[in-house]
PDB file of N, CA and C in Angstrom:
ATOM      1  N   UNK A   1     -65.709  52.818 -86.001  1.00  0.00           N
ATOM      2  CA  UNK A   1     -65.216  53.224 -87.339  1.00  0.00           C
ATOM      3  C   UNK A   1     -63.940  54.202 -86.529  1.00  0.00           C
ATOM      4  N   UNK A   2     -64.330  54.966 -85.687  1.00  0.00           N
ATOM      5  CA  UNK A   2     -63.167  55.767 -85.099  1.00  0.00           C
ATOM      6  C   UNK A   2     -61.835  55.058 -85.018  1.00  0.00           C
ATOM      7  N   UNK A   3     -62.110  53.966 -84.368  1.00  0.00           N
ATOM      8  CA  UNK A   3     -60.777  53.185 -83.906  1.00  0.00           C
ATOM      9  C   UNK A   3     -60.379  52.446 -85.257  1.00  0.00           C
ATOM     10  N   UNK A   4     -61.099  52.148 -86.215  1.00  0.00           N
ATOM     11  CA  UNK A   4     -61.014  51.367 -87.301  1.00  0.00           C
ATOM     12  C   UNK A   4     -59.975  52.601 -88.247  1.00  0.00           C
ATOM     13  N   UNK A   5     -60.558  53.471 -88.404  1.00  0.00           N
ATOM     14  CA  UNK A   5     -59.803  54.516 -89.271  1.00  0.00           C
ATOM     15  C   UNK A   5     -58.438  54.958 -88.541  1.00  0.00           C
ATOM     16  N   UNK A   6     -58.665  55.087 -87.166  1.00  0.00           N
ATOM     17  CA  UNK A   6     -57.397  55.560 -86.503  1.00  0.00           C
ATOM     18  C   UNK A   6     -55.889  54.480 -86.964  1.00  0.00           C
ATOM     19  N   UNK A   7     -56.634  53.043 -86.794  1.00  0.00           N
ATOM     20  CA  UNK A   7     -55.520  51.840 -87.069  1.00  0.00           C
ATOM     21  C   UNK A   7     -55.110  51.960 -88.519  1.00  0.00           C
ATOM     22  N   UNK A   8     -55.890  51.905 -89.165  1.00  0.00           N
ATOM     23  CA  UNK A   8     -55.743  51.979 -90.913  1.00  0.00           C
ATOM     24  C   UNK A   8     -55.053  53.519 -91.283  1.00  0.00           C
ATOM     25  N   UNK A   9     -55.289  54.276 -90.538  1.00  0.00           N
ATOM     26  CA  UNK A   9     -54.645  55.470 -90.895  1.00  0.00           C
ATOM     27  C   UNK A   9     -55.319  56.349 -92.160  1.00  0.00           C
ATOM     28  N   UNK A  10     -56.589  56.176 -91.891  1.00  0.00           N
ATOM     29  CA  UNK A  10     -57.457  56.698 -93.029  1.00  0.00           C
ATOM     30  C   UNK A  10     -58.009  58.118 -92.495  1.00  0.00           C
ATOM     31  N   UNK A  11     -58.182  59.171 -93.058  1.00  0.00           N
ATOM     32  CA  UNK A  11     -58.433  60.533 -92.435  1.00  0.00           C
ATOM     33  C   UNK A  11     -59.927  60.089 -91.933  1.00  0.00           C
ATOM     34  N   UNK A  12     -59.952  60.858 -90.641  1.00  0.00           N
ATOM     35  CA  UNK A  12     -61.657  60.263 -90.149  1.00  0.00           C
ATOM     36  C   UNK A  12     -62.578  61.515 -90.643  1.00  0.00           C
ATOM     37  N   UNK A  13     -63.744  60.889 -90.515  1.00  0.00           N
ATOM     38  CA  UNK A  13     -64.803  61.681 -90.869  1.00  0.00           C
ATOM     39  C   UNK A  13     -65.346  62.227 -89.655  1.00  0.00           C
ATOM     40  N   UNK A  14     -66.294  63.350 -89.937  1.00  0.00           N
ATOM     41  CA  UNK A  14     -66.773  63.781 -89.044  1.00  0.00           C
ATOM     42  C   UNK A  14     -68.031  62.950 -88.484  1.00  0.00           C
ATOM     43  N   UNK A  15     -68.198  63.203 -86.852  1.00  0.00           N
ATOM     44  CA  UNK A  15     -69.213  62.144 -86.351  1.00  0.00           C
ATOM     45  C   UNK A  15     -70.345  61.688 -87.123  1.00  0.00           C
ATOM     46  N   UNK A  16     -71.068  62.723 -87.610  1.00  0.00           N
ATOM     47  CA  UNK A  16     -72.157  62.766 -88.031  1.00  0.00           C
ATOM     48  C   UNK A  16     -72.005  61.798 -89.658  1.00  0.00           C
ATOM     49  N   UNK A  17     -71.006  61.712 -89.652  1.00  0.00           N
ATOM     50  CA  UNK A  17     -70.597  60.466 -91.158  1.00  0.00           C
ATOM     51  C   UNK A  17     -70.280  59.357 -90.645  1.00  0.00           C
ATOM     52  N   UNK A  18     -70.233  58.943 -89.357  1.00  0.00           N
ATOM     53  CA  UNK A  18     -70.054  57.679 -88.811  1.00  0.00           C
ATOM     54  C   UNK A  18     -71.129  56.956 -88.126  1.00  0.00           C
ATOM     55  N   UNK A  19     -71.950  56.407 -89.108  1.00  0.00           N
ATOM     56  CA  UNK A  19     -73.003  55.527 -88.512  1.00  0.00           C
ATOM     57  C   UNK A  19     -72.510  54.227 -88.190  1.00  0.00           C
ATOM     58  N   UNK A  20     -73.196  53.812 -87.132  1.00  0.00           N
ATOM     59  CA  UNK A  20     -72.721  52.523 -86.663  1.00  0.00           C
ATOM     60  C   UNK A  20     -73.254  51.460 -87.337  1.00  0.00           C
ATOM     61  N   UNK A  21     -72.595  50.542 -88.180  1.00  0.00           N
ATOM     62  CA  UNK A  21     -73.094  49.669 -88.990  1.00  0.00           C
ATOM     63  C   UNK A  21     -73.587  48.505 -88.367  1.00  0.00           C
ATOM     64  N   UNK A  22     -73.291  48.192 -87.192  1.00  0.00           N
ATOM     65  CA  UNK A  22     -73.567  47.051 -86.118  1.00  0.00           C
ATOM     66  C   UNK A  22     -74.992  47.408 -85.852  1.00  0.00           C
ATOM     67  N   UNK A  23     -75.322  48.657 -85.109  1.00  0.00           N
ATOM     68  CA  UNK A  23     -76.755  49.144 -85.011  1.00  0.00           C
ATOM     69  C   UNK A  23     -77.839  49.104 -86.358  1.00  0.00           C
ATOM     70  N   UNK A  24     -77.285  49.693 -87.292  1.00  0.00           N
ATOM     71  CA  UNK A  24     -78.125  49.636 -88.590  1.00  0.00           C
ATOM     72  C   UNK A  24     -78.218  48.461 -88.989  1.00  0.00           C
ATOM     73  N   UNK A  25     -77.215  47.287 -89.130  1.00  0.00           N
ATOM     74  CA  UNK A  25     -77.536  46.210 -89.668  1.00  0.00           C
ATOM     75  C   UNK A  25     -78.584  45.260 -88.554  1.00  0.00           C
ATOM     76  N   UNK A  26     -78.796  45.976 -87.376  1.00  0.00           N
ATOM     77  CA  UNK A  26     -80.002  45.380 -86.644  1.00  0.00           C
ATOM     78  C   UNK A  26     -80.992  46.088 -86.308  1.00  0.00           C
ATOM     79  N   UNK A  27     -81.237  47.033 -87.576  1.00  0.00           N
ATOM     80  CA  UNK A  27     -82.572  47.836 -87.726  1.00  0.00           C
ATOM     81  C   UNK A  27     -82.354  49.143 -86.904  1.00  0.00           C
ATOM     82  N   UNK A  28     -81.615  49.362 -86.302  1.00  0.00           N
ATOM     83  CA  UNK A  28     -81.601  50.886 -85.572  1.00  0.00           C
ATOM     84  C   UNK A  28     -80.444  51.757 -86.372  1.00  0.00           C
ATOM     85  N   UNK A  29     -81.007  52.543 -87.622  1.00  0.00           N
ATOM     86  CA  UNK A  29     -79.986  53.242 -88.236  1.00  0.00           C
ATOM     87  C   UNK A  29     -79.960  54.527 -87.623  1.00  0.00           C
ATOM     88  N   UNK A  30     -78.918  55.249 -87.874  1.00  0.00           N
ATOM     89  CA  UNK A  30     -78.818  56.822 -87.634  1.00  0.00           C
ATOM     90  C   UNK A  30     -77.957  56.978 -86.299  1.00  0.00           C
ATOM     91  N   UNK A  31     -77.426  55.732 -85.531  1.00  0.00           N
ATOM     92  CA  UNK A  31     -76.681  56.052 -84.506  1.00  0.00           C
ATOM     93  C   UNK A  31     -75.141  56.416 -84.722  1.00  0.00           C
ATOM     94  N   UNK A  32     -74.633  57.406 -84.254  1.00  0.00           N
ATOM     95  CA  UNK A  32     -73.148  57.618 -84.492  1.00  0.00           C
ATOM     96  C   UNK A  32     -72.554  56.998 -83.734  1.00  0.00           C
ATOM     97  N   UNK A  33     -71.632  56.425 -84.295  1.00  0.00           N
ATOM     98  CA  UNK A  33     -70.655  55.368 -83.665  1.00  0.00           C
ATOM     99  C   UNK A  33     -69.080  56.093 -83.295  1.00  0.00           C
ATOM    100  N   UNK A  34     -69.208  56.331 -81.997  1.00  0.00           N
ATOM    101  CA  UNK A  34     -68.268  56.715 -81.291  1.00  0.00           C
ATOM    102  C   UNK A  34     -67.961  56.124 -79.721  1.00  0.00           C
ATOM    103  N   UNK A  35     -66.957  56.784 -79.436  1.00  0.00           N
ATOM    104  CA  UNK A  35     -66.388  55.864 -77.828  1.00  0.00           C
ATOM    105  C   UNK A  35     -67.549  55.358 -76.919  1.00  0.00           C
ATOM    106  N   UNK A  36     -68.625  56.561 -76.802  1.00  0.00           N
ATOM    107  CA  UNK A  36     -69.546  56.050 -75.723  1.00  0.00           C
ATOM    108  C   UNK A  36     -70.500  55.365 -76.370  1.00  0.00           C
ATOM    109  N   UNK A  37     -70.874  55.549 -77.675  1.00  0.00           N
ATOM    110  CA  UNK A  37     -71.935  54.665 -78.095  1.00  0.00           C
ATOM    111  C   UNK A  37     -71.557  53.184 -78.003  1.00  0.00           C
ATOM    112  N   UNK A  38     -70.408  52.762 -78.334  1.00  0.00           N
ATOM    113  CA  UNK A  38     -69.628  51.593 -78.022  1.00  0.00           C
ATOM    114  C   UNK A  38     -69.954  50.992 -76.865  1.00  0.00           C
ATOM    115  N   UNK A  39     -69.463  51.878 -76.061  1.00  0.00           N
ATOM    116  CA  UNK A  39     -69.410  51.171 -74.719  1.00  0.00           C
ATOM    117  C   UNK A  39     -70.649  51.108 -73.816  1.00  0.00           C
ATOM    118  N   UNK A  40     -71.577  52.023 -74.163  1.00  0.00           N
ATOM    119  CA  UNK A  40     -72.956  52.052 -73.598  1.00  0.00           C
ATOM    120  C   UNK A  40     -74.304  51.886 -74.228  1.00  0.00           C
ATOM    121  N   UNK A  41     -73.938  51.663 -75.575  1.00  0.00           N
ATOM    122  CA  UNK A  41     -75.256  51.491 -76.340  1.00  0.00           C
ATOM    123  C   UNK A  41     -75.355  50.463 -77.631  1.00  0.00           C
ATOM    124  N   UNK A  42     -74.111  50.391 -78.195  1.00  0.00           N
ATOM    125  CA  UNK A  42     -73.859  49.385 -79.430  1.00  0.00           C
ATOM    126  C   UNK A  42     -74.427  47.929 -79.019  1.00  0.00           C
ATOM    127  N   UNK A  43     -75.315  47.551 -80.120  1.00  0.00           N
ATOM    128  CA  UNK A  43     -76.155  46.358 -80.223  1.00  0.00           C
ATOM    129  C   UNK A  43     -74.911  45.424 -80.154  1.00  0.00           C
ATOM    130  N   UNK A  44     -73.639  45.513 -81.130  1.00  0.00           N
ATOM    131  CA  UNK A  44     -72.771  44.738 -81.045  1.00  0.00           C
ATOM    132  C   UNK A  44     -72.086  43.925 -79.893  1.00  0.00           C
ATOM    133  N   UNK A  45     -72.130  44.938 -78.769  1.00  0.00           N
ATOM    134  CA  UNK A  45     -71.391  44.628 -77.272  1.00  0.00           C
ATOM    135  C   UNK A  45     -72.266  44.486 -76.232  1.00  0.00           C
ATOM    136  N   UNK A  46     -73.847  44.281 -76.579  1.00  0.00           N
ATOM    137  CA  UNK A  46     -74.718  44.316 -75.832  1.00  0.00           C
ATOM    138  C   UNK A  46     -74.624  42.978 -74.741  1.00  0.00           C
ATOM    139  N   UNK A  47     -74.187  41.780 -75.419  1.00  0.00           N
ATOM    140  CA  UNK A  47     -73.816  40.522 -74.426  1.00  0.00           C
ATOM    141  C   UNK A  47     -72.513  40.677 -73.670  1.00  0.00           C
ATOM    142  N   UNK A  48     -71.560  41.729 -73.924  1.00  0.00           N
ATOM    143  CA  UNK A  48     -70.413  41.827 -72.955  1.00  0.00           C
ATOM    144  C   UNK A  48     -70.758  42.819 -71.998  1.00  0.00           C
ATOM    145  N   UNK A  49     -71.684  43.755 -72.177  1.00  0.00           N
ATOM    146  CA  UNK A  49     -72.320  44.539 -71.042  1.00  0.00           C
ATOM    147  C   UNK A  49     -72.935  43.670 -70.204  1.00  0.00           C
ATOM    148  N   UNK A  50     -73.909  42.642 -70.439  1.00  0.00           N
ATOM    149  CA  UNK A  50     -74.537  41.766 -69.591  1.00  0.00           C
ATOM    150  C   UNK A  50     -73.580  41.164 -68.613  1.00  0.00           C
ATOM    151  N   UNK A  51     -72.451  40.792 -69.267  1.00  0.00           N
ATOM    152  CA  UNK A  51     -71.364  40.045 -68.435  1.00  0.00           C
ATOM    153  C   UNK A  51     -70.531  40.895 -67.123  1.00  0.00           C
ATOM    154  N   UNK A  52     -70.637  42.244 -67.362  1.00  0.00           N
ATOM    155  CA  UNK A  52     -70.381  43.225 -66.130  1.00  0.00           C
ATOM    156  C   UNK A  52     -71.608  44.281 -65.563  1.00  0.00           C
ATOM    157  N   UNK A  53     -72.448  43.342 -64.653  1.00  0.00           N
ATOM    158  CA  UNK A  53     -73.773  44.144 -64.093  1.00  0.00           C
ATOM    159  C   UNK A  53     -73.123  45.360 -63.197  1.00  0.00           C
ATOM    160  N   UNK A  54     -71.731  45.399 -62.586  1.00  0.00           N
ATOM    161  CA  UNK A  54     -71.380  46.176 -61.818  1.00  0.00           C
ATOM    162  C   UNK A  54     -71.188  47.431 -62.470  1.00  0.00           C
ATOM    163  N   UNK A  55     -70.820  47.226 -63.769  1.00  0.00           N
ATOM    164  CA  UNK A  55     -70.545  48.680 -64.570  1.00  0.00           C
ATOM    165  C   UNK A  55     -71.855  49.071 -65.373  1.00  0.00           C
ATOM    166  N   UNK A  56     -72.763  48.319 -65.759  1.00  0.00           N
ATOM    167  CA  UNK A  56     -73.884  48.629 -66.306  1.00  0.00           C
ATOM    168  C   UNK A  56     -75.305  48.026 -65.359  1.00  0.00           C
ATOM    169  N   UNK A  57     -75.509  48.855 -64.097  1.00  0.00           N
ATOM    170  CA  UNK A  57     -76.494  48.034 -63.431  1.00  0.00           C
ATOM    171  C   UNK A  57     -77.776  48.278 -64.064  1.00  0.00           C
ATOM    172  N   UNK A  58     -78.062  49.216 -64.844  1.00  0.00           N
ATOM    173  CA  UNK A  58     -79.525  48.947 -65.607  1.00  0.00           C
ATOM    174  C   UNK A  58     -79.310  49.916 -66.920  1.00  0.00           C
ATOM    175  N   UNK A  59     -80.147  49.793 -67.687  1.00  0.00           N
ATOM    176  CA  UNK A  59     -80.446  50.565 -69.034  1.00  0.00           C
ATOM    177  C   UNK A  59     -80.700  52.022 -68.692  1.00  0.00           C
ATOM    178  N   UNK A  60     -79.888  52.836 -69.095  1.00  0.00           N
ATOM    179  CA  UNK A  60     -80.180  54.228 -68.435  1.00  0.00           C
ATOM    180  C   UNK A  60     -80.645  55.209 -69.760  1.00  0.00           C
ATOM    181  N   UNK A  61     -81.780  55.947 -69.311  1.00  0.00           N
ATOM    182  CA  UNK A  61     -82.031  56.818 -70.453  1.00  0.00           C
ATOM    183  C   UNK A  61     -80.889  57.644 -71.045  1.00  0.00           C
ATOM    184  N   UNK A  62     -80.812  58.467 -71.976  1.00  0.00           N
ATOM    185  CA  UNK A  62     -79.728  59.187 -72.592  1.00  0.00           C
ATOM    186  C   UNK A  62     -79.600  60.198 -71.443  1.00  0.00           C
ATOM    187  N   UNK A  63     -80.467  61.056 -71.250  1.00  0.00           N
ATOM    188  CA  UNK A  63     -80.129  62.194 -70.481  1.00  0.00           C
ATOM    189  C   UNK A  63     -79.485  61.802 -68.880  1.00  0.00           C
ATOM    190  N   UNK A  64     -79.743  60.571 -68.510  1.00  0.00           N
ATOM    191  CA  UNK A  64     -79.001  60.213 -67.397  1.00  0.00           C
ATOM    192  C   UNK A  64     -77.656  59.266 -67.774  1.00  0.00           C
ATOM    193  N   UNK A  65     -77.402  59.137 -68.742  1.00  0.00           N
ATOM    194  CA  UNK A  65     -76.055  58.197 -69.109  1.00  0.00           C
ATOM    195  C   UNK A  65     -74.803  58.775 -68.369  1.00  0.00           C
ATOM    196  N   UNK A  66     -73.885  57.893 -68.024  1.00  0.00           N
ATOM    197  CA  UNK A  66     -72.628  58.701 -67.488  1.00  0.00           C
ATOM    198  C   UNK A  66     -71.736  59.461 -68.566  1.00  0.00           C
ATOM    199  N   UNK A  67     -71.191  60.144 -68.489  1.00  0.00           N
ATOM    200  CA  UNK A  67     -70.231  60.762 -69.471  1.00  0.00           C
ATOM    201  C   UNK A  67     -69.080  59.703 -69.263  1.00  0.00           C
ATOM    202  N   UNK A  68     -68.307  59.845 -70.598  1.00  0.00           N
ATOM    203  CA  UNK A  68     -67.150  59.043 -70.705  1.00  0.00           C
ATOM    204  C   UNK A  68     -65.985  59.039 -69.381  1.00  0.00           C
ATOM    205  N   UNK A  69     -65.909  60.132 -68.745  1.00  0.00           N
ATOM    206  CA  UNK A  69     -65.039  60.107 -67.800  1.00  0.00           C
ATOM    207  C   UNK A  69     -65.713  59.719 -66.633  1.00  0.00           C
ATOM    208  N   UNK A  70     -66.686  59.744 -66.427  1.00  0.00           N
ATOM    209  CA  UNK A  70     -67.666  59.225 -65.159  1.00  0.00           C
ATOM    210  C   UNK A  70     -67.188  57.497 -65.457  1.00  0.00           C
ATOM    211  N   UNK A  71     -67.699  57.084 -66.663  1.00  0.00           N
ATOM    212  CA  UNK A  71     -67.714  55.561 -67.119  1.00  0.00           C
ATOM    213  C   UNK A  71     -66.414  55.173 -66.757  1.00  0.00           C
ATOM    214  N   UNK A  72     -65.118  55.777 -67.095  1.00  0.00           N
ATOM    215  CA  UNK A  72     -64.147  55.223 -66.977  1.00  0.00           C
ATOM    216  C   UNK A  72     -63.578  55.488 -65.359  1.00  0.00           C
ATOM    217  N   UNK A  73     -64.091  56.209 -64.639  1.00  0.00           N
ATOM    218  CA  UNK A  73     -63.828  56.260 -63.225  1.00  0.00           C
ATOM    219  C   UNK A  73     -64.483  54.827 -62.328  1.00  0.00           C
ATOM    220  N   UNK A  74     -65.024  54.118 -63.330  1.00  0.00           N
ATOM    221  CA  UNK A  74     -65.687  52.895 -62.686  1.00  0.00           C
ATOM    222  C   UNK A  74     -64.392  51.895 -62.038  1.00  0.00           C
ATOM    223  N   UNK A  75     -64.643  51.019 -61.397  1.00  0.00           N
ATOM    224  CA  UNK A  75     -63.806  50.111 -60.672  1.00  0.00           C
ATOM    225  C   UNK A  75     -62.804  49.430 -61.994  1.00  0.00           C
ATOM    226  N   UNK A  76     -61.591  49.354 -61.654  1.00  0.00           N
ATOM    227  CA  UNK A  76     -60.597  49.384 -62.602  1.00  0.00           C
ATOM    228  C   UNK A  76     -60.712  48.006 -62.825  1.00  0.00           C
ATOM    229  N   UNK A  77     -60.761  46.695 -62.469  1.00  0.00           N
ATOM    230  CA  UNK A  77     -60.597  45.525 -62.893  1.00  0.00           C
ATOM    231  C   UNK A  77     -61.856  45.225 -63.690  1.00  0.00           C
ATOM    232  N   UNK A  78     -62.892  45.368 -63.540  1.00  0.00           N
ATOM    233  CA  UNK A  78     -63.884  45.309 -64.390  1.00  0.00           C
ATOM    234  C   UNK A  78     -63.998  45.861 -65.596  1.00  0.00           C
ATOM    235  N   UNK A  79     -63.477  47.006 -65.415  1.00  0.00           N
ATOM    236  CA  UNK A  79     -63.566  47.995 -66.385  1.00  0.00           C
ATOM    237  C   UNK A  79     -62.449  47.635 -67.433  1.00  0.00           C
ATOM    238  N   UNK A  80     -61.305  47.256 -67.231  1.00  0.00           N
ATOM    239  CA  UNK A  80     -60.162  46.867 -67.748  1.00  0.00           C
ATOM    240  C   UNK A  80     -60.758  45.470 -68.780  1.00  0.00           C
ATOM    241  N   UNK A  81     -61.291  44.528 -67.888  1.00  0.00           N
ATOM    242  CA  UNK A  81     -61.673  43.553 -68.672  1.00  0.00           C
ATOM    243  C   UNK A  81     -62.953  43.712 -69.865  1.00  0.00           C
ATOM    244  N   UNK A  82     -63.714  44.390 -69.463  1.00  0.00           N
ATOM    245  CA  UNK A  82     -64.822  44.937 -70.285  1.00  0.00           C
ATOM    246  C   UNK A  82     -64.107  45.543 -71.957  1.00  0.00           C
ATOM    247  N   UNK A  83     -63.309  46.814 -71.419  1.00  0.00           N
ATOM    248  CA  UNK A  83     -62.788  47.048 -72.434  1.00  0.00           C
ATOM    249  C   UNK A  83     -61.943  46.391 -73.317  1.00  0.00           C
ATOM    250  N   UNK A  84     -61.111  45.630 -72.592  1.00  0.00           N
ATOM    251  CA  UNK A  84     -60.358  44.739 -73.360  1.00  0.00           C
ATOM    252  C   UNK A  84     -60.932  43.442 -74.326  1.00  0.00           C
ATOM    253  N   UNK A  85     -62.239  43.304 -73.686  1.00  0.00           N
ATOM    254  CA  UNK A  85     -62.989  42.333 -74.562  1.00  0.00           C
ATOM    255  C   UNK A  85     -63.579  42.920 -75.737  1.00  0.00           C
ATOM    256  N   UNK A  86     -64.000  44.244 -75.622  1.00  0.00           N
ATOM    257  CA  UNK A  86     -64.384  45.011 -76.801  1.00  0.00           C
ATOM    258  C   UNK A  86     -63.728  44.935 -77.709  1.00  0.00           C
ATOM    259  N   UNK A  87     -62.182  45.467 -77.183  1.00  0.00           N
ATOM    260  CA  UNK A  87     -61.129  45.716 -78.343  1.00  0.00           C
ATOM    261  C   UNK A  87     -60.699  44.470 -79.105  1.00  0.00           C
ATOM    262  N   UNK A  88     -60.731  43.111 -78.230  1.00  0.00           N
ATOM    263  CA  UNK A  88     -60.641  42.116 -78.855  1.00  0.00           C
ATOM    264  C   UNK A  88     -61.597  41.706 -79.831  1.00  0.00           C
ATOM    265  N   UNK A  89     -62.809  41.982 -79.445  1.00  0.00           N
ATOM    266  CA  UNK A  89     -63.935  41.637 -80.120  1.00  0.00           C
ATOM    267  C   UNK A  89     -63.533  42.803 -81.909  1.00  0.00           C
ATOM    268  N   UNK A  90     -63.493  43.754 -81.668  1.00  0.00           N
ATOM    269  CA  UNK A  90     -63.284  44.843 -82.748  1.00  0.00           C
ATOM    270  C   UNK A  90     -62.286  44.555 -83.603  1.00  0.00           C
ATOM    271  N   UNK A  91     -61.003  44.131 -83.035  1.00  0.00           N
ATOM    272  CA  UNK A  91     -60.097  43.723 -83.770  1.00  0.00           C
ATOM    273  C   UNK A  91     -60.174  42.263 -84.505  1.00  0.00           C
ATOM    274  N   UNK A  92     -60.846  41.532 -83.902  1.00  0.00           N
ATOM    275  CA  UNK A  92     -61.320  40.058 -84.648  1.00  0.00           C
ATOM    276  C   UNK A  92     -62.172  40.359 -85.977  1.00  0.00           C
ATOM    277  N   UNK A  93     -63.014  41.387 -85.536  1.00  0.00           N
ATOM    278  CA  UNK A  93     -64.117  41.536 -86.661  1.00  0.00           C
ATOM    279  C   UNK A  93     -63.254  42.254 -87.600  1.00  0.00           C
ATOM    280  N   UNK A  94     -62.073  43.201 -87.510  1.00  0.00           N
ATOM    281  CA  UNK A  94     -61.116  43.437 -88.690  1.00  0.00           C
ATOM    282  C   UNK A  94     -60.301  42.718 -89.317  1.00  0.00           C
ATOM    283  N   UNK A  95     -60.004  41.621 -88.613  1.00  0.00           N
ATOM    284  CA  UNK A  95     -59.177  40.681 -88.917  1.00  0.00           C
ATOM    285  C   UNK A  95     -58.007  40.872 -88.536  1.00  0.00           C
ATOM    286  N   UNK A  96     -57.722  41.665 -87.329  1.00  0.00           N
ATOM    287  CA  UNK A  96     -56.486  42.039 -86.846  1.00  0.00           C
ATOM    288  C   UNK A  96     -56.015  41.117 -85.737  1.00  0.00           C
ATOM    289  N   UNK A  97     -54.881  40.684 -85.000  1.00  0.00           N
ATOM    290  CA  UNK A  97     -54.406  39.982 -84.080  1.00  0.00           C
ATOM    291  C   UNK A  97     -55.178  40.729 -82.767  1.00  0.00           C
ATOM    292  N   UNK A  98     -55.473  39.887 -81.692  1.00  0.00           N
ATOM    293  CA  UNK A  98     -56.079  40.491 -80.391  1.00  0.00           C
ATOM    294  C   UNK A  98     -54.951  41.424 -80.140  1.00  0.00           C
TER     295      UNK A  98
END
């Protein structure tokens, strides 16, 4: 929602009001949709994370999860491919061109 609202020029809501619709649809309500959630936790991108085991070696409990800065310090090529795949999927879901 953060990206969608930015792309559509809509006033952004506070994080507490941005529930992840992907996770809620899969029976996991209450998860706040933000960048770190999309990259590390969102059910809609689980299959993409599985394609990059070097970036996601194992499911990590919340206290041990990397920060966004630490995650973005990962190896450049797989990181760029993963983020690009997430972006394309999100844009496709919105009916936007890749």
